[in-house]
C-alpha cells in the first residue's frame, strides 16, 4: 500500500506543477515567474503525470 499511496501523491504533485505552468502560459497574471520557467513546469509536469499514471495503472492491475 505504501507504493500505491506514494505514486498517487507524486501524480497529484506533478499535476499541480503542470497546472501552475499552464496557468502562467495561458494568463499573464504571474508576471514574477519568467515564461521560460513556466514552459519547464508545463513540460516536466506533463511528463510526470504521464509516467506516474502509467505506474499507477501497472500497480492497480497487479
C-alpha atoms as a PDB file:
ATOM      1  CA  UNK A   1       0.000   0.000   0.000  1.00  0.00           C
ATOM      2  CA  UNK A   2       2.944   2.315   0.583  1.00  0.00           C
ATOM      3  CA  UNK A   3       3.978   2.191  -3.070  1.00  0.00           C
ATOM      4  CA  UNK A   4       0.463   2.968  -4.312  1.00  0.00           C
ATOM      5  CA  UNK A   5      -0.031   5.938  -1.991  1.00  0.00           C
ATOM      6  CA  UNK A   6       3.399   7.308  -2.886  1.00  0.00           C
ATOM      7  CA  UNK A   7       2.541   7.079  -6.582  1.00  0.00           C
ATOM      8  CA  UNK A   8      -0.773   8.883  -6.064  1.00  0.00           C
ATOM      9  CA  UNK A   9       0.955  11.691  -4.145  1.00  0.00           C
ATOM     10  CA  UNK A  10       3.566  12.165  -6.881  1.00  0.00           C
ATOM     11  CA  UNK A  11       0.823  12.086  -9.523  1.00  0.00           C
ATOM     12  CA  UNK A  12      -1.065  14.885  -7.754  1.00  0.00           C
ATOM     13  CA  UNK A  13       2.103  16.949  -7.292  1.00  0.00           C
ATOM     14  CA  UNK A  14       3.028  16.552 -10.962  1.00  0.00           C
ATOM     15  CA  UNK A  15      -0.464  17.628 -11.926  1.00  0.00           C
ATOM     16  CA  UNK A  16      -0.108  20.737  -9.733  1.00  0.00           C
ATOM     17  CA  UNK A  17       3.241  21.618 -11.331  1.00  0.00           C
ATOM     18  CA  UNK A  18       1.714  21.193 -14.787  1.00  0.00           C
ATOM     19  CA  UNK A  19      -1.268  23.344 -13.786  1.00  0.00           C
ATOM     20  CA  UNK A  20       0.922  26.155 -12.470  1.00  0.00           C
ATOM     21  CA  UNK A  21       2.988  26.146 -15.647  1.00  0.00           C
ATOM     22  CA  UNK A  22      -0.057  26.176 -17.912  1.00  0.00           C
ATOM     23  CA  UNK A  23      -1.725  28.872 -15.815  1.00  0.00           C
ATOM     24  CA  UNK A  24       1.300  31.123 -16.281  1.00  0.00           C
ATOM     25  CA  UNK A  25       1.461  30.407 -20.021  1.00  0.00           C
ATOM     26  CA  UNK A  26      -2.241  30.984 -20.669  1.00  0.00           C
ATOM     27  CA  UNK A  27      -2.645  34.028 -18.424  1.00  0.00           C
ATOM     28  CA  UNK A  28      -0.255  36.844 -17.745  1.00  0.00           C
ATOM     29  CA  UNK A  29      -1.124  37.186 -14.059  1.00  0.00           C
ATOM     30  CA  UNK A  30       2.019  35.597 -12.580  1.00  0.00           C
ATOM     31  CA  UNK A  31       4.466  38.091 -14.026  1.00  0.00           C
ATOM     32  CA  UNK A  32       7.106  37.351 -11.369  1.00  0.00           C
ATOM     33  CA  UNK A  33       7.673  33.901 -12.917  1.00  0.00           C
ATOM     34  CA  UNK A  34       9.593  34.036 -16.203  1.00  0.00           C
ATOM     35  CA  UNK A  35       7.886  32.472 -19.189  1.00  0.00           C
ATOM     36  CA  UNK A  36      10.820  30.076 -19.681  1.00  0.00           C
ATOM     37  CA  UNK A  37      10.258  28.633 -16.198  1.00  0.00           C
ATOM     38  CA  UNK A  38       6.555  28.243 -16.943  1.00  0.00           C
ATOM     39  CA  UNK A  39       7.357  26.181 -20.031  1.00  0.00           C
ATOM     40  CA  UNK A  40       9.702  23.990 -17.992  1.00  0.00           C
ATOM     41  CA  UNK A  41       7.000  23.490 -15.354  1.00  0.00           C
ATOM     42  CA  UNK A  42       4.446  22.561 -18.002  1.00  0.00           C
ATOM     43  CA  UNK A  43       6.721  20.103 -19.809  1.00  0.00           C
ATOM     44  CA  UNK A  44       8.088  18.373 -16.711  1.00  0.00           C
ATOM     45  CA  UNK A  45       4.669  18.309 -15.076  1.00  0.00           C
ATOM     46  CA  UNK A  46       3.163  16.642 -18.138  1.00  0.00           C
ATOM     47  CA  UNK A  47       5.959  14.065 -18.234  1.00  0.00           C
ATOM     48  CA  UNK A  48       5.409  13.367 -14.528  1.00  0.00           C
ATOM     49  CA  UNK A  49       1.648  12.988 -14.925  1.00  0.00           C
ATOM     50  CA  UNK A  50       2.051  10.541 -17.808  1.00  0.00           C
ATOM     51  CA  UNK A  51       4.750   8.436 -16.151  1.00  0.00           C
ATOM     52  CA  UNK A  52       3.014   8.319 -12.772  1.00  0.00           C
ATOM     53  CA  UNK A  53      -0.289   7.473 -14.442  1.00  0.00           C
ATOM     54  CA  UNK A  54       1.323   4.527 -16.221  1.00  0.00           C
ATOM     55  CA  UNK A  55       2.964   3.397 -12.984  1.00  0.00           C
ATOM     56  CA  UNK A  56      -0.311   3.648 -11.074  1.00  0.00           C
ATOM     57  CA  UNK A  57      -2.107   1.659 -13.755  1.00  0.00           C
ATOM     58  CA  UNK A  58       0.549  -1.085 -13.507  1.00  0.00           C
ATOM     59  CA  UNK A  59       0.202  -1.172  -9.716  1.00  0.00           C
ATOM     60  CA  UNK A  60      -3.594  -1.425  -9.874  1.00  0.00           C
ATOM     61  CA  UNK A  61      -3.522  -4.234 -12.436  1.00  0.00           C
ATOM     62  CA  UNK A  62      -1.497  -6.479 -10.113  1.00  0.00           C
END
